[in-house]
Amino acid sequence: LFVLAATVWMLSACASSSKSLKENAVVYYSNSKSGELISPEFFENSLEENQQMQGHYGEKKITGMSWMQLNDSLIHLMIFSSMGNEIANLVYTKDSLIFTSKWMDAKKVKPEYIIADIQFVYYPKNVLEKHFKKVGLEFKELKNEDVFVRTLSENDTLLMKMEKSKNQIRFENLIRKYEYQIERGKE
């Protein structure tokens, strides 16, 4: 009986959990303003990079690594533990959003919010301005030689902020109370 219980536990611990959205995913940028994700076709470049990540969600601290690919047909993000084990895999195309993980309950993860954060950090300014104007929010981008800053506000209340320098990104979602820092690898 013990061997059977241990076997069932081991198989369930290794089982994959997945979530797939076929219709357009909606993201609430504030408590009252929402919009659909931007289609991948609006990303004007091609990017593939390794990243070191550190984040905070309330009292929880998260560290790990990731690999990301962005182009005009998809956003693909793989998240790894600090030991190199794959934690999650996320793929967004114009037709679908798929999240799979052996370690996270996909029913509790909202992959559309991960994609929205990636779009806020990487998508072109003109695409984001148009998107957020349609949603009814104020998007700003300020640049100087070393860093650029993006903000998203509703009625003078700051919702999201991103600071990006050559090799570092700092993102903060003030309404959802999480933040992360990314050390970018070679592109």
C-alpha atoms as a PDB file:
ATOM      1  CA  LEU A   1       0.000   0.000   0.000  1.00  0.00           C
ATOM      2  CA  PHE A   2       2.832   2.419   0.859  1.00  0.00           C
ATOM      3  CA  VAL A   3       4.554   1.697  -2.497  1.00  0.00           C
ATOM      4  CA  LEU A   4       1.286   2.313  -4.375  1.00  0.00           C
ATOM      5  CA  ALA A   5       0.675   5.605  -2.529  1.00  0.00           C
ATOM      6  CA  ALA A   6       4.263   6.730  -3.154  1.00  0.00           C
ATOM      7  CA  THR A   7       3.960   5.862  -6.854  1.00  0.00           C
ATOM      8  CA  VAL A   8       0.689   7.810  -7.230  1.00  0.00           C
ATOM      9  CA  TRP A   9       2.225  10.790  -5.403  1.00  0.00           C
ATOM     10  CA  MET A  10       5.333  10.740  -7.649  1.00  0.00           C
ATOM     11  CA  LEU A  11       3.252  10.516 -10.827  1.00  0.00           C
ATOM     12  CA  SER A  12       0.962  13.353  -9.749  1.00  0.00           C
ATOM     13  CA  ALA A  13       3.961  15.504  -8.763  1.00  0.00           C
ATOM     14  CA  CYS A  14       5.384  15.087 -12.271  1.00  0.00           C
ATOM     15  CA  ALA A  15       2.078  15.657 -14.063  1.00  0.00           C
ATOM     16  CA  SER A  16       1.892  18.699 -16.257  1.00  0.00           C
ATOM     17  CA  SER A  17      -0.701  21.389 -15.722  1.00  0.00           C
ATOM     18  CA  SER A  18      -1.780  23.537 -18.647  1.00  0.00           C
ATOM     19  CA  LYS A  19      -4.103  26.361 -19.551  1.00  0.00           C
ATOM     20  CA  SER A  20      -5.118  27.422 -23.037  1.00  0.00           C
ATOM     21  CA  LEU A  21      -7.123  30.443 -24.144  1.00  0.00           C
ATOM     22  CA  LYS A  22      -8.546  30.449 -27.658  1.00  0.00           C
ATOM     23  CA  GLU A  23     -10.461  33.734 -27.567  1.00  0.00           C
ATOM     24  CA  ASN A  24      -8.811  37.122 -27.108  1.00  0.00           C
ATOM     25  CA  ALA A  25      -7.498  37.451 -23.588  1.00  0.00           C
ATOM     26  CA  VAL A  26      -8.610  40.495 -21.587  1.00  0.00           C
ATOM     27  CA  VAL A  27      -6.349  42.168 -19.028  1.00  0.00           C
ATOM     28  CA  TYR A  28      -7.448  44.594 -16.310  1.00  0.00           C
ATOM     29  CA  TYR A  29      -4.794  47.310 -16.184  1.00  0.00           C
ATOM     30  CA  SER A  30      -6.696  48.982 -13.337  1.00  0.00           C
ATOM     31  CA  ASN A  31      -9.765  48.010 -11.329  1.00  0.00           C
ATOM     32  CA  SER A  32     -12.003  49.589 -13.970  1.00  0.00           C
ATOM     33  CA  LYS A  33     -10.041  49.671 -17.275  1.00  0.00           C
ATOM     34  CA  SER A  34      -9.400  46.603 -19.382  1.00  0.00           C
ATOM     35  CA  GLY A  35      -8.267  45.740 -22.861  1.00  0.00           C
ATOM     36  CA  GLU A  36      -7.399  42.788 -25.041  1.00  0.00           C
ATOM     37  CA  LEU A  37      -3.777  41.768 -25.455  1.00  0.00           C
ATOM     38  CA  ILE A  38      -1.965  43.349 -28.381  1.00  0.00           C
ATOM     39  CA  SER A  39      -1.418  40.962 -31.285  1.00  0.00           C
ATOM     40  CA  PRO A  40       2.190  39.731 -31.705  1.00  0.00           C
ATOM     41  CA  GLU A  41       2.265  41.131 -35.247  1.00  0.00           C
ATOM     42  CA  PHE A  42       2.782  44.626 -33.772  1.00  0.00           C
ATOM     43  CA  PHE A  43       6.230  43.756 -32.411  1.00  0.00           C
ATOM     44  CA  GLU A  44       8.481  45.280 -35.063  1.00  0.00           C
ATOM     45  CA  ASN A  45      11.764  43.524 -34.237  1.00  0.00           C
ATOM     46  CA  SER A  46      13.013  40.060 -33.436  1.00  0.00           C
ATOM     47  CA  LEU A  47      14.465  39.371 -30.004  1.00  0.00           C
ATOM     48  CA  GLU A  48      15.833  36.293 -28.296  1.00  0.00           C
ATOM     49  CA  GLU A  49      17.515  36.577 -24.908  1.00  0.00           C
ATOM     50  CA  ASN A  50      18.429  34.813 -21.679  1.00  0.00           C
ATOM     51  CA  GLN A  51      17.510  36.589 -18.455  1.00  0.00           C
ATOM     52  CA  GLN A  52      18.213  36.399 -14.716  1.00  0.00           C
ATOM     53  CA  MET A  53      15.062  37.310 -12.798  1.00  0.00           C
ATOM     54  CA  GLN A  54      14.310  38.403  -9.265  1.00  0.00           C
ATOM     55  CA  GLY A  55      10.845  39.423  -8.167  1.00  0.00           C
ATOM     56  CA  HIS A  56       8.579  40.168  -5.240  1.00  0.00           C
ATOM     57  CA  TYR A  57       4.867  39.516  -4.936  1.00  0.00           C
ATOM     58  CA  GLY A  58       3.751  40.682  -1.531  1.00  0.00           C
ATOM     59  CA  GLU A  59       5.966  38.795   0.916  1.00  0.00           C
ATOM     60  CA  LYS A  60       7.002  36.157  -1.644  1.00  0.00           C
ATOM     61  CA  LYS A  61      10.427  36.430  -3.244  1.00  0.00           C
ATOM     62  CA  ILE A  62      11.026  34.720  -6.587  1.00  0.00           C
ATOM     63  CA  THR A  63      14.379  34.158  -8.312  1.00  0.00           C
ATOM     64  CA  GLY A  64      15.260  32.237 -11.414  1.00  0.00           C
ATOM     65  CA  MET A  65      16.184  32.367 -15.058  1.00  0.00           C
ATOM     66  CA  SER A  66      14.214  32.706 -18.252  1.00  0.00           C
ATOM     67  CA  TRP A  67      14.568  32.511 -22.003  1.00  0.00           C
ATOM     68  CA  MET A  68      12.381  34.726 -24.164  1.00  0.00           C
ATOM     69  CA  GLN A  69      11.710  34.982 -27.875  1.00  0.00           C
ATOM     70  CA  LEU A  70       9.660  37.810 -29.366  1.00  0.00           C
ATOM     71  CA  ASN A  71       8.879  38.436 -33.004  1.00  0.00           C
ATOM     72  CA  ASP A  72       5.926  39.391 -35.187  1.00  0.00           C
ATOM     73  CA  SER A  73       4.300  35.975 -34.837  1.00  0.00           C
ATOM     74  CA  LEU A  74       4.777  34.997 -31.177  1.00  0.00           C
ATOM     75  CA  ILE A  75       5.893  35.666 -27.657  1.00  0.00           C
ATOM     76  CA  HIS A  76       7.565  32.604 -26.140  1.00  0.00           C
ATOM     77  CA  LEU A  77       8.764  32.586 -22.528  1.00  0.00           C
ATOM     78  CA  MET A  78      10.368  29.696 -20.672  1.00  0.00           C
ATOM     79  CA  ILE A  79      10.968  30.085 -16.924  1.00  0.00           C
ATOM     80  CA  PHE A  80      13.599  28.035 -15.106  1.00  0.00           C
ATOM     81  CA  SER A  81      14.579  27.522 -11.471  1.00  0.00           C
ATOM     82  CA  SER A  82      18.019  28.637 -10.341  1.00  0.00           C
ATOM     83  CA  MET A  83      19.030  24.973 -10.765  1.00  0.00           C
ATOM     84  CA  GLY A  84      17.944  24.985 -14.431  1.00  0.00           C
ATOM     85  CA  ASN A  85      14.704  22.997 -14.110  1.00  0.00           C
ATOM     86  CA  GLU A  86      11.895  24.180 -16.378  1.00  0.00           C
ATOM     87  CA  ILE A  87       9.155  25.715 -14.235  1.00  0.00           C
ATOM     88  CA  ALA A  88       6.818  27.042 -16.921  1.00  0.00           C
ATOM     89  CA  ASN A  89       6.415  27.487 -20.654  1.00  0.00           C
ATOM     90  CA  LEU A  90       4.249  30.242 -22.142  1.00  0.00           C
ATOM     91  CA  VAL A  91       3.457  30.762 -25.838  1.00  0.00           C
ATOM     92  CA  TYR A  92       1.277  33.570 -27.218  1.00  0.00           C
ATOM     93  CA  THR A  93       0.311  33.800 -30.891  1.00  0.00           C
ATOM     94  CA  LYS A  94      -2.479  35.712 -32.601  1.00  0.00           C
ATOM     95  CA  ASP A  95      -4.671  32.600 -32.279  1.00  0.00           C
ATOM     96  CA  SER A  96      -3.827  31.235 -28.844  1.00  0.00           C
ATOM     97  CA  LEU A  97      -2.261  31.650 -25.433  1.00  0.00           C
ATOM     98  CA  ILE A  98      -0.885  28.444 -23.908  1.00  0.00           C
ATOM     99  CA  PHE A  99       0.674  28.069 -20.460  1.00  0.00           C
ATOM    100  CA  THR A 100       2.108  24.763 -19.229  1.00  0.00           C
ATOM    101  CA  SER A 101       3.922  23.881 -16.016  1.00  0.00           C
ATOM    102  CA  LYS A 102       4.895  20.852 -13.979  1.00  0.00           C
ATOM    103  CA  TRP A 103       5.391  22.986 -10.875  1.00  0.00           C
ATOM    104  CA  MET A 104       2.633  25.607 -10.933  1.00  0.00           C
ATOM    105  CA  ASP A 105      -1.135  25.203 -10.938  1.00  0.00           C
ATOM    106  CA  ALA A 106      -2.031  26.622 -14.351  1.00  0.00           C
ATOM    107  CA  LYS A 107      -5.608  27.255 -13.210  1.00  0.00           C
ATOM    108  CA  LYS A 108      -4.303  29.820 -10.719  1.00  0.00           C
ATOM    109  CA  VAL A 109      -1.836  31.518 -13.087  1.00  0.00           C
ATOM    110  CA  LYS A 110      -3.119  34.247 -15.393  1.00  0.00           C
ATOM    111  CA  PRO A 111      -0.709  34.037 -18.353  1.00  0.00           C
ATOM    112  CA  GLU A 112      -2.388  36.977 -20.069  1.00  0.00           C
ATOM    113  CA  TYR A 113      -0.967  39.263 -17.372  1.00  0.00           C
ATOM    114  CA  ILE A 114       2.561  37.939 -17.985  1.00  0.00           C
ATOM    115  CA  ILE A 115       2.117  38.694 -21.690  1.00  0.00           C
ATOM    116  CA  ALA A 116       0.748  42.181 -20.907  1.00  0.00           C
ATOM    117  CA  ASP A 117       3.867  42.906 -18.802  1.00  0.00           C
ATOM    118  CA  ILE A 118       6.153  41.735 -21.624  1.00  0.00           C
ATOM    119  CA  GLN A 119       4.276  43.939 -24.090  1.00  0.00           C
ATOM    120  CA  PHE A 120       4.555  46.948 -21.758  1.00  0.00           C
ATOM    121  CA  VAL A 121       8.337  46.457 -21.515  1.00  0.00           C
ATOM    122  CA  TYR A 122       9.197  45.533 -25.124  1.00  0.00           C
ATOM    123  CA  TYR A 123       6.549  46.737 -27.582  1.00  0.00           C
ATOM    124  CA  PRO A 124       7.079  49.952 -29.557  1.00  0.00           C
ATOM    125  CA  LYS A 125       5.975  53.244 -28.021  1.00  0.00           C
ATOM    126  CA  ASN A 126       3.514  54.102 -30.812  1.00  0.00           C
ATOM    127  CA  VAL A 127       1.746  50.732 -30.484  1.00  0.00           C
ATOM    128  CA  LEU A 128       1.402  51.101 -26.702  1.00  0.00           C
ATOM    129  CA  GLU A 129       0.221  54.728 -26.922  1.00  0.00           C
ATOM    130  CA  LYS A 130      -2.552  53.738 -29.332  1.00  0.00           C
ATOM    131  CA  HIS A 131      -3.531  50.692 -27.264  1.00  0.00           C
ATOM    132  CA  PHE A 132      -3.711  52.496 -23.924  1.00  0.00           C
ATOM    133  CA  LYS A 133      -5.506  55.516 -25.385  1.00  0.00           C
ATOM    134  CA  LYS A 134      -8.203  53.128 -26.623  1.00  0.00           C
ATOM    135  CA  VAL A 135      -8.375  51.569 -23.128  1.00  0.00           C
ATOM    136  CA  GLY A 136      -8.681  55.042 -21.546  1.00  0.00           C
ATOM    137  CA  LEU A 137      -5.327  55.150 -19.736  1.00  0.00           C
ATOM    138  CA  GLU A 138      -2.362  57.506 -19.969  1.00  0.00           C
ATOM    139  CA  PHE A 139       0.894  56.022 -21.275  1.00  0.00           C
ATOM    140  CA  LYS A 140       4.161  57.981 -21.106  1.00  0.00           C
ATOM    141  CA  GLU A 141       7.693  57.215 -22.185  1.00  0.00           C
ATOM    142  CA  LEU A 142      10.706  59.331 -21.214  1.00  0.00           C
ATOM    143  CA  LYS A 143      14.158  58.646 -22.713  1.00  0.00           C
ATOM    144  CA  ASN A 144      17.668  59.845 -22.099  1.00  0.00           C
ATOM    145  CA  GLU A 145      21.027  58.421 -23.170  1.00  0.00           C
ATOM    146  CA  ASP A 146      21.295  55.714 -20.502  1.00  0.00           C
ATOM    147  CA  VAL A 147      17.749  54.762 -19.523  1.00  0.00           C
ATOM    148  CA  PHE A 148      14.168  55.057 -20.529  1.00  0.00           C
ATOM    149  CA  VAL A 149      11.101  55.018 -18.321  1.00  0.00           C
ATOM    150  CA  ARG A 150       7.544  54.020 -19.160  1.00  0.00           C
ATOM    151  CA  THR A 151       4.530  54.727 -16.978  1.00  0.00           C
ATOM    152  CA  LEU A 152       0.843  53.885 -17.142  1.00  0.00           C
ATOM    153  CA  SER A 153      -1.640  55.982 -15.160  1.00  0.00           C
ATOM    154  CA  GLU A 154      -5.342  56.427 -14.583  1.00  0.00           C
ATOM    155  CA  ASN A 155      -6.477  59.866 -13.366  1.00  0.00           C
ATOM    156  CA  ASP A 156      -2.987  60.717 -12.015  1.00  0.00           C
ATOM    157  CA  THR A 157      -2.759  57.362 -10.190  1.00  0.00           C
ATOM    158  CA  LEU A 158       0.342  55.432 -11.255  1.00  0.00           C
ATOM    159  CA  LEU A 159      -0.534  51.839 -12.193  1.00  0.00           C
ATOM    160  CA  MET A 160       2.660  50.482 -13.782  1.00  0.00           C
ATOM    161  CA  LYS A 161       6.242  51.656 -14.169  1.00  0.00           C
ATOM    162  CA  MET A 162       9.195  50.280 -16.109  1.00  0.00           C
ATOM    163  CA  GLU A 163      12.817  51.473 -16.143  1.00  0.00           C
ATOM    164  CA  LYS A 164      15.082  49.985 -18.778  1.00  0.00           C
ATOM    165  CA  SER A 165      18.835  50.463 -19.193  1.00  0.00           C
ATOM    166  CA  LYS A 166      21.301  48.618 -21.387  1.00  0.00           C
ATOM    167  CA  ASN A 167      21.248  45.327 -19.448  1.00  0.00           C
ATOM    168  CA  GLN A 168      18.639  45.804 -16.730  1.00  0.00           C
ATOM    169  CA  ILE A 169      14.890  46.119 -16.552  1.00  0.00           C
ATOM    170  CA  ARG A 170      12.911  47.039 -13.451  1.00  0.00           C
ATOM    171  CA  PHE A 171       9.127  46.610 -13.668  1.00  0.00           C
ATOM    172  CA  GLU A 172       6.566  47.458 -11.008  1.00  0.00           C
ATOM    173  CA  ASN A 173       2.812  46.924 -11.028  1.00  0.00           C
ATOM    174  CA  LEU A 174       1.584  49.183  -8.232  1.00  0.00           C
ATOM    175  CA  ILE A 175      -2.078  48.121  -8.383  1.00  0.00           C
ATOM    176  CA  ARG A 176      -1.334  44.364  -8.256  1.00  0.00           C
ATOM    177  CA  LYS A 177       1.587  44.887  -5.826  1.00  0.00           C
ATOM    178  CA  TYR A 178       4.383  43.010  -7.563  1.00  0.00           C
ATOM    179  CA  GLU A 179       7.713  43.920  -9.063  1.00  0.00           C
ATOM    180  CA  TYR A 180      10.659  42.267 -10.716  1.00  0.00           C
ATOM    181  CA  GLN A 181      14.148  43.027 -11.937  1.00  0.00           C
ATOM    182  CA  ILE A 182      15.673  41.410 -14.986  1.00  0.00           C
ATOM    183  CA  GLU A 183      19.342  41.190 -15.848  1.00  0.00           C
ATOM    184  CA  ARG A 184      19.437  40.748 -19.593  1.00  0.00           C
ATOM    185  CA  GLY A 185      21.818  38.335 -21.299  1.00  0.00           C
ATOM    186  CA  LYS A 186      23.390  38.667 -24.716  1.00  0.00           C
ATOM    187  CA  GLU A 187      20.895  39.099 -27.548  1.00  0.00           C
END
